[in-house]
Amino acid sequence: MIIFYIIYILLLLIVALLAYAVFQLKLFGINIKDFWSFIEANQVLDSIYSYSKKYDRMSPQEQIVFLKEAEQIFEAFDKIPEALWEEEYGKYSVVLENYKNLKIARWAELNS
């Protein structure tokens, strides 16, 4: 019987913490779906950051994949206040810079 009470209290505590987290997100003006896409984009940012260091040696297919992934990251990060992702700003700015350089290079190839 005591185990039942302990499980009940733990479940109640988990629900209360989740409700508090949702309340805090709503207080910032963030939708839960946007926040979840931000979390996923943050994970992709880590992988694309290491990949972006060699953007000048990418094949055309890899460039397209990089550009699409980067656009999805930028879209997700734009929906979240910068105060929440300021520690990831360095990676974000490197990916953004490489994205711009790659876009310009592909544009120059198409127009030449």
C-alpha atoms as a PDB file:
ATOM      1  CA  MET A   1       0.000   0.000   0.000  1.00  0.00           C
ATOM      2  CA  ILE A   2       2.860   2.376   0.752  1.00  0.00           C
ATOM      3  CA  ILE A   3       4.329   1.748  -2.709  1.00  0.00           C
ATOM      4  CA  PHE A   4       1.008   2.799  -4.233  1.00  0.00           C
ATOM      5  CA  TYR A   5       1.144   6.119  -2.352  1.00  0.00           C
ATOM      6  CA  ILE A   6       4.742   6.720  -3.381  1.00  0.00           C
ATOM      7  CA  ILE A   7       3.924   6.058  -7.042  1.00  0.00           C
ATOM      8  CA  TYR A   8       0.871   8.313  -6.793  1.00  0.00           C
ATOM      9  CA  ILE A   9       2.915  11.159  -5.284  1.00  0.00           C
ATOM     10  CA  LEU A  10       5.628  10.769  -7.920  1.00  0.00           C
ATOM     11  CA  LEU A  11       3.083  10.827 -10.734  1.00  0.00           C
ATOM     12  CA  LEU A  12       1.434  13.887  -9.225  1.00  0.00           C
ATOM     13  CA  LEU A  13       4.824  15.584  -8.979  1.00  0.00           C
ATOM     14  CA  ILE A  14       5.618  14.778 -12.626  1.00  0.00           C
ATOM     15  CA  VAL A  15       2.272  16.167 -13.793  1.00  0.00           C
ATOM     16  CA  ALA A  16       2.813  19.320 -11.720  1.00  0.00           C
ATOM     17  CA  LEU A  17       6.294  19.841 -13.220  1.00  0.00           C
ATOM     18  CA  LEU A  18       4.971  19.364 -16.738  1.00  0.00           C
ATOM     19  CA  ALA A  19       2.148  21.835 -16.093  1.00  0.00           C
ATOM     20  CA  TYR A  20       4.656  24.343 -14.722  1.00  0.00           C
ATOM     21  CA  ALA A  21       6.885  23.907 -17.806  1.00  0.00           C
ATOM     22  CA  VAL A  22       3.919  24.451 -20.138  1.00  0.00           C
ATOM     23  CA  PHE A  23       2.912  27.515 -18.113  1.00  0.00           C
ATOM     24  CA  GLN A  24       6.418  28.955 -18.430  1.00  0.00           C
ATOM     25  CA  LEU A  25       6.436  28.366 -22.190  1.00  0.00           C
ATOM     26  CA  LYS A  26       3.060  30.049 -22.549  1.00  0.00           C
ATOM     27  CA  LEU A  27       4.343  32.928 -20.425  1.00  0.00           C
ATOM     28  CA  PHE A  28       7.158  33.431 -22.962  1.00  0.00           C
ATOM     29  CA  GLY A  29       4.577  33.289 -25.750  1.00  0.00           C
ATOM     30  CA  ILE A  30       5.878  30.033 -27.187  1.00  0.00           C
ATOM     31  CA  ASN A  31       3.683  27.263 -28.547  1.00  0.00           C
ATOM     32  CA  ILE A  32       4.487  23.744 -27.394  1.00  0.00           C
ATOM     33  CA  LYS A  33       4.778  22.574 -31.005  1.00  0.00           C
ATOM     34  CA  ASP A  34       7.258  25.375 -31.779  1.00  0.00           C
ATOM     35  CA  PHE A  35       9.299  24.517 -28.708  1.00  0.00           C
ATOM     36  CA  TRP A  36       9.389  20.849 -29.654  1.00  0.00           C
ATOM     37  CA  SER A  37      10.546  21.716 -33.182  1.00  0.00           C
ATOM     38  CA  PHE A  38      13.221  23.929 -31.582  1.00  0.00           C
ATOM     39  CA  ILE A  39      14.468  20.988 -29.504  1.00  0.00           C
ATOM     40  CA  GLU A  40      14.655  18.809 -32.618  1.00  0.00           C
ATOM     41  CA  ALA A  41      16.358  21.602 -34.575  1.00  0.00           C
ATOM     42  CA  ASN A  42      18.871  22.012 -31.778  1.00  0.00           C
ATOM     43  CA  GLN A  43      19.856  18.368 -32.145  1.00  0.00           C
ATOM     44  CA  VAL A  44      20.155  18.763 -35.918  1.00  0.00           C
ATOM     45  CA  LEU A  45      22.212  21.934 -35.382  1.00  0.00           C
ATOM     46  CA  ASP A  46      24.879  19.927 -33.583  1.00  0.00           C
ATOM     47  CA  SER A  47      25.235  17.509 -36.474  1.00  0.00           C
ATOM     48  CA  ILE A  48      25.018  20.124 -39.223  1.00  0.00           C
ATOM     49  CA  TYR A  49      27.549  22.319 -37.403  1.00  0.00           C
ATOM     50  CA  SER A  50      30.266  19.697 -37.748  1.00  0.00           C
ATOM     51  CA  TYR A  51      29.161  19.078 -41.326  1.00  0.00           C
ATOM     52  CA  SER A  52      29.247  22.797 -42.182  1.00  0.00           C
ATOM     53  CA  LYS A  53      32.965  23.043 -41.515  1.00  0.00           C
ATOM     54  CA  LYS A  54      33.590  21.334 -44.835  1.00  0.00           C
ATOM     55  CA  TYR A  55      30.918  23.089 -46.878  1.00  0.00           C
ATOM     56  CA  ASP A  56      33.393  24.025 -49.622  1.00  0.00           C
ATOM     57  CA  ARG A  57      34.095  20.338 -50.348  1.00  0.00           C
ATOM     58  CA  MET A  58      30.476  19.190 -50.570  1.00  0.00           C
ATOM     59  CA  SER A  59      28.998  17.543 -53.613  1.00  0.00           C
ATOM     60  CA  PRO A  60      25.951  19.241 -55.181  1.00  0.00           C
ATOM     61  CA  GLN A  61      23.605  16.735 -53.494  1.00  0.00           C
ATOM     62  CA  GLU A  62      25.239  17.337 -50.114  1.00  0.00           C
ATOM     63  CA  GLN A  63      24.911  21.083 -50.661  1.00  0.00           C
ATOM     64  CA  ILE A  64      21.186  20.755 -51.277  1.00  0.00           C
ATOM     65  CA  VAL A  65      20.739  18.624 -48.159  1.00  0.00           C
ATOM     66  CA  PHE A  66      22.776  21.110 -46.127  1.00  0.00           C
ATOM     67  CA  LEU A  67      20.727  24.055 -47.403  1.00  0.00           C
ATOM     68  CA  LYS A  68      17.400  22.338 -46.652  1.00  0.00           C
ATOM     69  CA  GLU A  69      18.481  21.277 -43.158  1.00  0.00           C
ATOM     70  CA  ALA A  70      19.824  24.755 -42.420  1.00  0.00           C
ATOM     71  CA  GLU A  71      16.566  26.389 -43.555  1.00  0.00           C
ATOM     72  CA  GLN A  72      14.600  24.129 -41.214  1.00  0.00           C
ATOM     73  CA  ILE A  73      16.909  25.043 -38.346  1.00  0.00           C
ATOM     74  CA  PHE A  74      16.589  28.755 -39.044  1.00  0.00           C
ATOM     75  CA  GLU A  75      12.804  28.491 -39.182  1.00  0.00           C
ATOM     76  CA  ALA A  76      12.633  26.679 -35.841  1.00  0.00           C
ATOM     77  CA  PHE A  77      15.082  29.043 -34.139  1.00  0.00           C
ATOM     78  CA  ASP A  78      13.209  32.116 -35.412  1.00  0.00           C
ATOM     79  CA  LYS A  79      10.116  31.093 -33.450  1.00  0.00           C
ATOM     80  CA  ILE A  80      11.979  30.978 -30.127  1.00  0.00           C
ATOM     81  CA  PRO A  81      13.307  34.014 -28.207  1.00  0.00           C
ATOM     82  CA  GLU A  82      17.073  34.394 -28.443  1.00  0.00           C
ATOM     83  CA  ALA A  83      17.433  34.311 -24.667  1.00  0.00           C
ATOM     84  CA  LEU A  84      16.647  30.589 -24.701  1.00  0.00           C
ATOM     85  CA  TRP A  85      19.293  29.648 -27.263  1.00  0.00           C
ATOM     86  CA  GLU A  86      22.065  32.156 -26.675  1.00  0.00           C
ATOM     87  CA  GLU A  87      24.529  29.395 -25.753  1.00  0.00           C
ATOM     88  CA  GLU A  88      24.025  27.842 -29.192  1.00  0.00           C
ATOM     89  CA  TYR A  89      24.549  31.177 -30.958  1.00  0.00           C
ATOM     90  CA  GLY A  90      28.134  30.353 -31.968  1.00  0.00           C
ATOM     91  CA  LYS A  91      27.104  27.197 -33.805  1.00  0.00           C
ATOM     92  CA  TYR A  92      24.083  28.954 -35.276  1.00  0.00           C
ATOM     93  CA  SER A  93      26.167  31.820 -36.631  1.00  0.00           C
ATOM     94  CA  VAL A  94      28.741  29.461 -38.201  1.00  0.00           C
ATOM     95  CA  VAL A  95      25.986  27.486 -39.922  1.00  0.00           C
ATOM     96  CA  LEU A  96      24.313  30.728 -41.034  1.00  0.00           C
ATOM     97  CA  GLU A  97      27.559  32.097 -42.478  1.00  0.00           C
ATOM     98  CA  ASN A  98      28.262  28.876 -44.355  1.00  0.00           C
ATOM     99  CA  TYR A  99      24.658  28.806 -45.548  1.00  0.00           C
ATOM    100  CA  LYS A 100      25.034  32.312 -46.974  1.00  0.00           C
ATOM    101  CA  ASN A 101      28.347  31.488 -48.647  1.00  0.00           C
ATOM    102  CA  LEU A 102      26.954  28.309 -50.158  1.00  0.00           C
ATOM    103  CA  LYS A 103      23.809  30.081 -51.378  1.00  0.00           C
ATOM    104  CA  ILE A 104      25.911  32.790 -53.043  1.00  0.00           C
ATOM    105  CA  ALA A 105      28.219  30.215 -54.630  1.00  0.00           C
ATOM    106  CA  ARG A 106      25.293  28.206 -56.007  1.00  0.00           C
ATOM    107  CA  TRP A 107      23.636  31.393 -57.273  1.00  0.00           C
ATOM    108  CA  ALA A 108      26.870  32.426 -59.002  1.00  0.00           C
ATOM    109  CA  GLU A 109      27.143  28.993 -60.643  1.00  0.00           C
ATOM    110  CA  LEU A 110      23.600  29.224 -61.976  1.00  0.00           C
ATOM    111  CA  ASN A 111      24.103  32.720 -63.348  1.00  0.00           C
ATOM    112  CA  SER A 112      27.436  32.123 -65.038  1.00  0.00           C
END
